[in-house]
Amino acid sequence: MTDQETQQQDVINKVYEYAAALMVKEKKSAYETKQALIAKGLDNEIATIVVDNLEKKIHDAKKERANKDMLYGGLWFIGGSVVTAVTYGAASGGGSYVVAWGAILFGAIQFIKGLVNSGS
């Protein structure tokens, strides 16, 4: 890369960092972020491209997080259910067993959280 190309890439990175900070940290809407970029000197078309790209990245990151929540929530729920079923089966002739309600409840909540967030 030439020095000019490196400088251009640095400027592009700074624009995206600024816009991302507005949208994520300051919870600005896409419209507000676009207007802030225009106020900083970007033309309307470039500001729209930056905001659209960031909205897609943010959506993809939320979707990935929701999928992880569903996966790990499901694993906790199944694991807790298996522990409960195995210890219950072992105690069927008498004795005590473990109800892994914490793992079951935590898993169910995490799974439902992921399911709800996957639709947004």
N, C-alpha and C. Protein backbone atom coordinates (compact mmCIF):
# COMPACT_ATOMS: atom_id res chain seq x y z
N MET A 1 0.84 -1.19 0.00
CA MET A 1 0.00 0.00 0.00
C MET A 1 0.88 1.25 0.00
N THR A 2 0.45 2.22 -0.76
CA THR A 2 1.18 3.49 -0.77
C THR A 2 0.76 4.31 0.44
N ASP A 3 1.50 5.38 0.67
CA ASP A 3 1.16 6.26 1.80
C ASP A 3 -0.23 6.87 1.62
N GLN A 4 -0.55 7.23 0.41
CA GLN A 4 -1.85 7.83 0.14
C GLN A 4 -2.97 6.82 0.40
N GLU A 5 -2.79 5.59 -0.03
CA GLU A 5 -3.79 4.55 0.21
C GLU A 5 -3.94 4.27 1.70
N THR A 6 -2.84 4.27 2.42
CA THR A 6 -2.86 4.06 3.87
C THR A 6 -3.61 5.19 4.56
N GLN A 7 -3.38 6.41 4.12
CA GLN A 7 -4.07 7.56 4.71
C GLN A 7 -5.57 7.50 4.42
N GLN A 8 -5.92 7.11 3.20
CA GLN A 8 -7.33 6.99 2.85
C GLN A 8 -8.02 5.92 3.70
N GLN A 9 -7.33 4.81 3.89
CA GLN A 9 -7.91 3.74 4.71
C GLN A 9 -8.06 4.19 6.16
N ASP A 10 -7.10 4.97 6.67
CA ASP A 10 -7.20 5.50 8.03
C ASP A 10 -8.41 6.41 8.18
N VAL A 11 -8.64 7.25 7.17
CA VAL A 11 -9.80 8.15 7.21
C VAL A 11 -11.10 7.33 7.20
N ILE A 12 -11.16 6.33 6.34
CA ILE A 12 -12.36 5.47 6.27
C ILE A 12 -12.58 4.78 7.61
N ASN A 13 -11.52 4.26 8.21
CA ASN A 13 -11.64 3.60 9.51
C ASN A 13 -12.15 4.55 10.58
N LYS A 14 -11.65 5.79 10.57
CA LYS A 14 -12.08 6.77 11.57
C LYS A 14 -13.56 7.14 11.38
N VAL A 15 -14.00 7.24 10.13
CA VAL A 15 -15.42 7.53 9.87
C VAL A 15 -16.29 6.40 10.42
N TYR A 16 -15.91 5.17 10.15
CA TYR A 16 -16.68 4.02 10.64
C TYR A 16 -16.64 3.94 12.17
N GLU A 17 -15.49 4.20 12.77
CA GLU A 17 -15.39 4.18 14.23
C GLU A 17 -16.29 5.24 14.86
N TYR A 18 -16.30 6.43 14.27
CA TYR A 18 -17.14 7.51 14.77
C TYR A 18 -18.62 7.14 14.65
N ALA A 19 -19.01 6.65 13.48
CA ALA A 19 -20.40 6.27 13.27
C ALA A 19 -20.81 5.11 14.18
N ALA A 20 -19.93 4.14 14.35
CA ALA A 20 -20.23 3.00 15.23
C ALA A 20 -20.39 3.46 16.67
N ALA A 21 -19.55 4.38 17.10
CA ALA A 21 -19.67 4.91 18.46
C ALA A 21 -21.01 5.61 18.66
N LEU A 22 -21.44 6.34 17.65
CA LEU A 22 -22.74 7.01 17.75
C LEU A 22 -23.88 5.99 17.84
N MET A 23 -23.82 4.98 17.01
CA MET A 23 -24.93 4.02 16.95
C MET A 23 -24.95 3.04 18.12
N VAL A 24 -23.77 2.61 18.56
CA VAL A 24 -23.71 1.58 19.59
C VAL A 24 -23.61 2.19 20.99
N LYS A 25 -22.64 3.05 21.19
CA LYS A 25 -22.42 3.60 22.54
C LYS A 25 -23.44 4.67 22.89
N GLU A 26 -23.71 5.57 21.94
CA GLU A 26 -24.62 6.68 22.23
C GLU A 26 -26.06 6.37 21.84
N LYS A 27 -26.29 5.18 21.28
CA LYS A 27 -27.64 4.72 20.92
C LYS A 27 -28.36 5.68 19.98
N LYS A 28 -27.63 6.28 19.06
CA LYS A 28 -28.23 7.17 18.07
C LYS A 28 -28.90 6.33 16.98
N SER A 29 -29.96 6.85 16.43
CA SER A 29 -30.64 6.15 15.34
C SER A 29 -29.81 6.26 14.06
N ALA A 30 -30.20 5.48 13.07
CA ALA A 30 -29.51 5.55 11.78
C ALA A 30 -29.63 6.95 11.19
N TYR A 31 -30.80 7.54 11.31
CA TYR A 31 -31.01 8.89 10.79
C TYR A 31 -30.10 9.90 11.50
N GLU A 32 -30.07 9.83 12.84
CA GLU A 32 -29.24 10.77 13.60
C GLU A 32 -27.76 10.59 13.26
N THR A 33 -27.34 9.35 13.10
CA THR A 33 -25.94 9.07 12.76
C THR A 33 -25.61 9.62 11.37
N LYS A 34 -26.52 9.40 10.44
CA LYS A 34 -26.31 9.90 9.08
C LYS A 34 -26.21 11.43 9.09
N GLN A 35 -27.07 12.08 9.84
CA GLN A 35 -27.03 13.55 9.92
C GLN A 35 -25.74 14.04 10.56
N ALA A 36 -25.25 13.32 11.57
CA ALA A 36 -23.98 13.69 12.21
C ALA A 36 -22.82 13.56 11.23
N LEU A 37 -22.84 12.52 10.41
CA LEU A 37 -21.78 12.34 9.41
C LEU A 37 -21.83 13.44 8.36
N ILE A 38 -23.02 13.80 7.94
CA ILE A 38 -23.17 14.89 6.98
C ILE A 38 -22.67 16.19 7.58
N ALA A 39 -22.98 16.41 8.86
CA ALA A 39 -22.52 17.62 9.55
C ALA A 39 -20.99 17.67 9.65
N LYS A 40 -20.35 16.50 9.64
CA LYS A 40 -18.88 16.44 9.69
C LYS A 40 -18.24 16.59 8.31
N GLY A 41 -19.08 16.69 7.27
CA GLY A 41 -18.53 16.95 5.94
C GLY A 41 -18.70 15.84 4.92
N LEU A 42 -19.28 14.70 5.29
CA LEU A 42 -19.52 13.64 4.31
C LEU A 42 -20.73 14.00 3.47
N ASP A 43 -20.71 13.58 2.21
CA ASP A 43 -21.91 13.83 1.40
C ASP A 43 -22.97 12.79 1.75
N ASN A 44 -24.18 13.06 1.34
CA ASN A 44 -25.33 12.23 1.70
C ASN A 44 -25.15 10.77 1.27
N GLU A 45 -24.65 10.54 0.07
CA GLU A 45 -24.50 9.18 -0.45
C GLU A 45 -23.50 8.36 0.37
N ILE A 46 -22.37 8.95 0.69
CA ILE A 46 -21.35 8.26 1.49
C ILE A 46 -21.86 7.99 2.90
N ALA A 47 -22.53 8.98 3.49
CA ALA A 47 -23.08 8.81 4.84
C ALA A 47 -24.10 7.68 4.85
N THR A 48 -24.91 7.59 3.81
CA THR A 48 -25.91 6.52 3.71
C THR A 48 -25.23 5.16 3.62
N ILE A 49 -24.18 5.06 2.82
CA ILE A 49 -23.45 3.80 2.68
C ILE A 49 -22.85 3.37 4.02
N VAL A 50 -22.22 4.30 4.72
CA VAL A 50 -21.60 3.99 6.01
C VAL A 50 -22.65 3.49 7.00
N VAL A 51 -23.76 4.21 7.11
CA VAL A 51 -24.81 3.84 8.07
C VAL A 51 -25.44 2.50 7.69
N ASP A 52 -25.70 2.28 6.41
CA ASP A 52 -26.27 1.00 5.97
C ASP A 52 -25.34 -0.16 6.28
N ASN A 53 -24.04 0.02 6.01
CA ASN A 53 -23.05 -1.03 6.31
C ASN A 53 -23.00 -1.33 7.81
N LEU A 54 -23.03 -0.28 8.63
CA LEU A 54 -22.99 -0.48 10.08
C LEU A 54 -24.26 -1.16 10.59
N GLU A 55 -25.40 -0.76 10.04
CA GLU A 55 -26.65 -1.40 10.46
C GLU A 55 -26.62 -2.90 10.17
N LYS A 56 -26.09 -3.27 9.02
CA LYS A 56 -25.98 -4.69 8.67
C LYS A 56 -25.03 -5.41 9.63
N LYS A 57 -23.88 -4.79 9.93
CA LYS A 57 -22.90 -5.41 10.86
C LYS A 57 -23.51 -5.58 12.25
N ILE A 58 -24.21 -4.57 12.72
CA ILE A 58 -24.83 -4.62 14.05
C ILE A 58 -25.90 -5.71 14.08
N HIS A 59 -26.71 -5.77 13.03
CA HIS A 59 -27.75 -6.81 12.95
C HIS A 59 -27.13 -8.20 12.94
N ASP A 60 -26.08 -8.38 12.15
CA ASP A 60 -25.40 -9.68 12.07
C ASP A 60 -24.81 -10.08 13.41
N ALA A 61 -24.21 -9.11 14.13
CA ALA A 61 -23.63 -9.41 15.44
C ALA A 61 -24.71 -9.81 16.45
N LYS A 62 -25.85 -9.12 16.41
CA LYS A 62 -26.96 -9.47 17.32
C LYS A 62 -27.51 -10.85 17.00
N LYS A 63 -27.60 -11.16 15.71
CA LYS A 63 -28.11 -12.47 15.28
C LYS A 63 -27.16 -13.57 15.74
N GLU A 64 -25.86 -13.33 15.59
CA GLU A 64 -24.86 -14.32 16.03
C GLU A 64 -24.95 -14.54 17.54
N ARG A 65 -25.10 -13.46 18.29
CA ARG A 65 -25.22 -13.57 19.75
C ARG A 65 -26.49 -14.35 20.13
N ALA A 66 -27.58 -14.08 19.43
CA ALA A 66 -28.83 -14.79 19.72
C ALA A 66 -28.68 -16.28 19.44
N ASN A 67 -28.00 -16.62 18.35
CA ASN A 67 -27.79 -18.04 18.03
C ASN A 67 -26.94 -18.73 19.09
N LYS A 68 -25.93 -18.04 19.61
CA LYS A 68 -25.10 -18.60 20.69
C LYS A 68 -25.92 -18.79 21.95
N ASP A 69 -26.76 -17.82 22.27
CA ASP A 69 -27.62 -17.95 23.45
C ASP A 69 -28.54 -19.16 23.33
N MET A 70 -29.11 -19.36 22.14
CA MET A 70 -29.98 -20.53 21.94
C MET A 70 -29.19 -21.83 22.07
N LEU A 71 -28.00 -21.87 21.48
CA LEU A 71 -27.19 -23.09 21.55
C LEU A 71 -26.81 -23.42 22.99
N TYR A 72 -26.22 -22.46 23.70
CA TYR A 72 -25.77 -22.73 25.06
C TYR A 72 -26.94 -22.92 26.02
N GLY A 73 -28.03 -22.18 25.80
CA GLY A 73 -29.22 -22.38 26.62
C GLY A 73 -29.78 -23.78 26.44
N GLY A 74 -29.82 -24.24 25.20
CA GLY A 74 -30.29 -25.60 24.93
C GLY A 74 -29.41 -26.65 25.57
N LEU A 75 -28.09 -26.42 25.50
CA LEU A 75 -27.16 -27.38 26.12
C LEU A 75 -27.33 -27.44 27.63
N TRP A 76 -27.48 -26.27 28.28
CA TRP A 76 -27.69 -26.26 29.74
C TRP A 76 -29.00 -26.97 30.09
N PHE A 77 -30.05 -26.68 29.33
CA PHE A 77 -31.35 -27.30 29.59
C PHE A 77 -31.28 -28.81 29.44
N ILE A 78 -30.70 -29.28 28.36
CA ILE A 78 -30.58 -30.72 28.11
C ILE A 78 -29.69 -31.37 29.16
N GLY A 79 -28.56 -30.72 29.47
CA GLY A 79 -27.66 -31.27 30.49
C GLY A 79 -28.33 -31.41 31.84
N GLY A 80 -29.06 -30.38 32.26
CA GLY A 80 -29.78 -30.44 33.53
C GLY A 80 -30.86 -31.51 33.52
N SER A 81 -31.53 -31.64 32.39
CA SER A 81 -32.58 -32.66 32.27
C SER A 81 -31.99 -34.06 32.30
N VAL A 82 -30.85 -34.26 31.65
CA VAL A 82 -30.20 -35.57 31.64
C VAL A 82 -29.74 -35.94 33.05
N VAL A 83 -29.11 -35.01 33.76
CA VAL A 83 -28.67 -35.27 35.13
C VAL A 83 -29.87 -35.66 35.99
N THR A 84 -30.95 -34.92 35.85
CA THR A 84 -32.15 -35.22 36.62
C THR A 84 -32.69 -36.61 36.28
N ALA A 85 -32.80 -36.92 35.00
CA ALA A 85 -33.35 -38.21 34.57
C ALA A 85 -32.46 -39.38 35.01
N VAL A 86 -31.14 -39.22 34.87
CA VAL A 86 -30.21 -40.31 35.23
C VAL A 86 -30.24 -40.57 36.73
N THR A 87 -30.19 -39.50 37.53
CA THR A 87 -30.21 -39.71 38.99
C THR A 87 -31.57 -40.20 39.46
N TYR A 88 -32.64 -39.79 38.81
CA TYR A 88 -33.97 -40.28 39.16
C TYR A 88 -34.08 -41.77 38.84
N GLY A 89 -33.57 -42.16 37.68
CA GLY A 89 -33.58 -43.57 37.29
C GLY A 89 -32.76 -44.42 38.24
N ALA A 90 -31.61 -43.89 38.67
CA ALA A 90 -30.75 -44.64 39.60
C ALA A 90 -31.39 -44.77 40.97
N ALA A 91 -32.26 -43.83 41.33
CA ALA A 91 -32.90 -43.86 42.65
C ALA A 91 -34.30 -44.47 42.59
N SER A 92 -34.66 -45.11 41.51
CA SER A 92 -36.03 -45.61 41.36
C SER A 92 -36.35 -46.71 42.37
N GLY A 93 -35.35 -47.44 42.82
CA GLY A 93 -35.58 -48.48 43.80
C GLY A 93 -35.60 -47.91 45.22
N GLY A 94 -35.39 -46.67 45.37
CA GLY A 94 -35.33 -46.01 46.67
C GLY A 94 -34.06 -45.19 46.74
N GLY A 95 -34.09 -44.16 47.46
CA GLY A 95 -32.92 -43.31 47.58
C GLY A 95 -33.22 -41.90 47.08
N SER A 96 -32.19 -41.14 47.00
CA SER A 96 -32.38 -39.74 46.60
C SER A 96 -31.87 -39.51 45.18
N TYR A 97 -32.32 -38.44 44.63
CA TYR A 97 -31.89 -38.06 43.27
C TYR A 97 -31.74 -36.55 43.21
N VAL A 98 -31.12 -36.10 42.15
CA VAL A 98 -30.84 -34.68 41.97
C VAL A 98 -31.78 -34.11 40.91
N VAL A 99 -32.43 -33.03 41.25
CA VAL A 99 -33.18 -32.27 40.26
C VAL A 99 -32.32 -31.05 39.95
N ALA A 100 -31.74 -31.05 38.78
CA ALA A 100 -30.83 -29.96 38.38
C ALA A 100 -31.64 -28.78 37.87
N TRP A 101 -32.48 -28.25 38.75
CA TRP A 101 -33.40 -27.20 38.35
C TRP A 101 -32.68 -25.92 37.96
N GLY A 102 -31.54 -25.65 38.55
CA GLY A 102 -30.79 -24.44 38.21
C GLY A 102 -30.34 -24.46 36.76
N ALA A 103 -29.76 -25.58 36.34
CA ALA A 103 -29.30 -25.71 34.96
C ALA A 103 -30.48 -25.71 34.00
N ILE A 104 -31.56 -26.36 34.38
CA ILE A 104 -32.75 -26.41 33.52
C ILE A 104 -33.34 -25.02 33.36
N LEU A 105 -33.51 -24.31 34.45
CA LEU A 105 -34.10 -22.97 34.42
C LEU A 105 -33.20 -21.99 33.68
N PHE A 106 -31.90 -21.99 34.03
CA PHE A 106 -30.95 -21.11 33.36
C PHE A 106 -30.94 -21.37 31.86
N GLY A 107 -30.90 -22.63 31.48
CA GLY A 107 -30.88 -22.99 30.06
C GLY A 107 -32.14 -22.54 29.34
N ALA A 108 -33.27 -22.74 29.98
CA ALA A 108 -34.54 -22.33 29.35
C ALA A 108 -34.59 -20.82 29.16
N ILE A 109 -34.18 -20.08 30.18
CA ILE A 109 -34.19 -18.61 30.09
C ILE A 109 -33.23 -18.13 29.01
N GLN A 110 -32.02 -18.69 28.98
CA GLN A 110 -31.04 -18.28 27.98
C GLN A 110 -31.52 -18.64 26.57
N PHE A 111 -32.11 -19.80 26.41
CA PHE A 111 -32.63 -20.21 25.10
C PHE A 111 -33.74 -19.27 24.64
N ILE A 112 -34.67 -18.97 25.54
CA ILE A 112 -35.79 -18.07 25.18
C ILE A 112 -35.27 -16.68 24.87
N LYS A 113 -34.30 -16.21 25.63
CA LYS A 113 -33.69 -14.89 25.35
C LYS A 113 -33.10 -14.88 23.94
N GLY A 114 -32.38 -15.93 23.58
CA GLY A 114 -31.81 -16.02 22.24
C GLY A 114 -32.88 -16.10 21.18
N LEU A 115 -33.93 -16.84 21.45
CA LEU A 115 -35.03 -16.99 20.49
C LEU A 115 -35.71 -15.65 20.24
N VAL A 116 -35.97 -14.92 21.31
CA VAL A 116 -36.61 -13.60 21.18
C VAL A 116 -35.69 -12.65 20.41
N ASN A 117 -34.41 -12.64 20.74
CA ASN A 117 -33.46 -11.72 20.09
C ASN A 117 -33.15 -12.11 18.65
N SER A 118 -33.38 -13.35 18.27
CA SER A 118 -33.08 -13.76 16.90
C SER A 118 -34.09 -13.17 15.92
N GLY A 119 -35.23 -12.78 16.40
CA GLY A 119 -36.24 -12.19 15.53
C GLY A 119 -36.07 -10.70 15.33
N SER A 120 -35.17 -10.08 16.08
CA SER A 120 -35.03 -8.61 15.97
C SER A 120 -33.93 -8.20 15.06
